């Protein structure tokens, strides 16, 4: 019997080619795209799998993260989503073994 159409995906075998560009999940943007000079300066002190905050005196400081490959990403909270960075740290970064560096200001409880 012949089969027509798209084959069913074999869920047991994952092709690694689809995961090569995998980095930090949603909510992050590459720092080269929208980062300010202060955010880029804060990224220089980070080692892989570390995070910190830039603009820490602001009401909604920017979360700066360096992943295990050395790529730096940022996440900005807004008044519309004030707990965004806290949720990312508690649900995504801490379970993956990321550590906070030099965290001061309103988010210092997230060390």
Protein backbone atom coordinates (compact mmCIF):
# COMPACT_ATOMS: atom_id res chain seq x y z
CA UNK A 1 0.00 0.00 0.00
CA UNK A 2 1.37 3.43 -0.86
CA UNK A 3 0.93 6.47 1.26
CA UNK A 4 0.25 9.98 0.00
CA UNK A 5 0.68 13.32 1.68
CA UNK A 6 2.96 14.54 4.40
CA UNK A 7 4.39 11.78 6.59
CA UNK A 8 3.50 11.71 10.26
CA UNK A 9 6.27 13.11 12.43
CA UNK A 10 8.11 10.52 14.43
CA UNK A 11 8.00 12.01 17.91
CA UNK A 12 10.59 9.62 19.32
CA UNK A 13 13.39 10.84 17.08
CA UNK A 14 14.14 14.55 17.15
CA UNK A 15 16.21 15.97 14.34
CA UNK A 16 18.90 18.15 15.97
CA UNK A 17 18.95 20.52 12.99
CA UNK A 18 15.70 22.06 14.20
CA UNK A 19 17.19 23.01 17.55
CA UNK A 20 20.51 24.59 16.51
CA UNK A 21 19.26 28.16 16.93
CA UNK A 22 17.58 27.43 20.20
CA UNK A 23 18.47 29.93 22.88
CA UNK A 24 16.44 31.70 25.50
CA UNK A 25 12.73 31.34 25.00
CA UNK A 26 10.05 33.97 24.55
CA UNK A 27 10.24 37.42 26.04
CA UNK A 28 13.87 38.03 25.05
CA UNK A 29 15.40 40.17 22.31
CA UNK A 30 19.02 40.18 21.17
CA UNK A 31 20.85 43.06 22.83
CA UNK A 32 22.39 44.13 19.51
CA UNK A 33 18.94 44.96 18.16
CA UNK A 34 17.54 47.31 20.82
CA UNK A 35 20.05 47.51 23.66
CA UNK A 36 21.10 50.86 25.10
CA UNK A 37 24.76 51.62 25.95
CA UNK A 38 24.04 51.08 29.66
CA UNK A 39 22.50 47.66 28.97
CA UNK A 40 25.47 46.66 26.81
CA UNK A 41 27.84 47.78 29.57
CA UNK A 42 26.03 45.62 32.12
CA UNK A 43 26.30 42.63 29.77
CA UNK A 44 30.11 42.81 29.80
CA UNK A 45 30.33 41.65 33.43
CA UNK A 46 28.26 38.53 32.81
CA UNK A 47 29.62 35.02 32.40
CA UNK A 48 27.61 32.32 30.61
CA UNK A 49 24.37 31.39 32.41
CA UNK A 50 24.21 34.60 34.43
CA UNK A 51 21.71 37.44 34.56
CA UNK A 52 21.54 40.94 35.99
CA UNK A 53 19.48 44.11 35.71
CA UNK A 54 20.33 47.29 33.84
CA UNK A 55 18.67 50.62 34.66
CA UNK A 56 18.09 49.19 38.13
CA UNK A 57 16.93 52.56 39.49
CA UNK A 58 13.98 52.58 37.08
CA UNK A 59 10.58 51.28 38.08
CA UNK A 60 10.83 48.54 35.43
CA UNK A 61 14.52 47.60 35.05
CA UNK A 62 15.75 45.66 32.05
CA UNK A 63 16.74 42.03 32.57
CA UNK A 64 20.07 41.24 30.86
CA UNK A 65 20.90 37.54 30.36
CA UNK A 66 23.89 35.73 28.86
CA UNK A 67 23.13 32.16 27.82
CA UNK A 68 25.52 29.22 27.75
CA UNK A 69 26.61 30.06 24.19
CA UNK A 70 27.61 33.61 25.19
CA UNK A 71 24.73 35.34 23.40
CA UNK A 72 23.30 38.27 25.35
CA UNK A 73 19.55 38.95 25.41
CA UNK A 74 17.38 41.46 27.19
CA UNK A 75 13.84 41.52 28.48
CA UNK A 76 11.97 44.72 29.32
CA UNK A 77 9.05 44.93 31.70
CA UNK A 78 6.38 47.56 31.20
CA UNK A 79 3.48 48.94 33.18
CA UNK A 80 1.27 46.60 31.15
CA UNK A 81 3.31 43.57 32.28
CA UNK A 82 5.19 44.60 35.46
CA UNK A 83 5.96 41.05 36.66
CA UNK A 84 7.38 39.80 33.36
CA UNK A 85 11.03 39.67 34.44
CA UNK A 86 10.27 38.16 37.83
CA UNK A 87 8.26 35.39 36.17
CA UNK A 88 11.07 34.73 33.67
CA UNK A 89 13.63 34.41 36.48
CA UNK A 90 11.52 32.19 38.69
CA UNK A 91 10.04 29.96 35.98
CA UNK A 92 12.74 29.85 33.32
CA UNK A 93 16.20 30.98 34.45
CA UNK A 94 16.50 29.63 38.01
CA UNK A 95 15.28 26.12 37.07
CA UNK A 96 17.90 26.03 34.30
CA UNK A 97 20.71 26.91 36.70
CA UNK A 98 21.19 30.59 35.87
CA UNK A 99 22.61 32.80 38.62
CA UNK A 100 22.06 36.47 39.34
CA UNK A 101 24.98 38.91 39.47
CA UNK A 102 25.15 42.32 41.17
CA UNK A 103 21.40 42.63 41.52
CA UNK A 104 20.42 45.75 43.41
CA UNK A 105 17.34 47.90 43.59
CA UNK A 106 13.68 46.87 43.38
CA UNK A 107 14.44 43.32 42.18
CA UNK A 108 17.17 42.42 44.68
CA UNK A 109 14.90 39.75 46.20
CA UNK A 110 15.41 37.66 43.04
CA UNK A 111 19.08 36.82 43.72
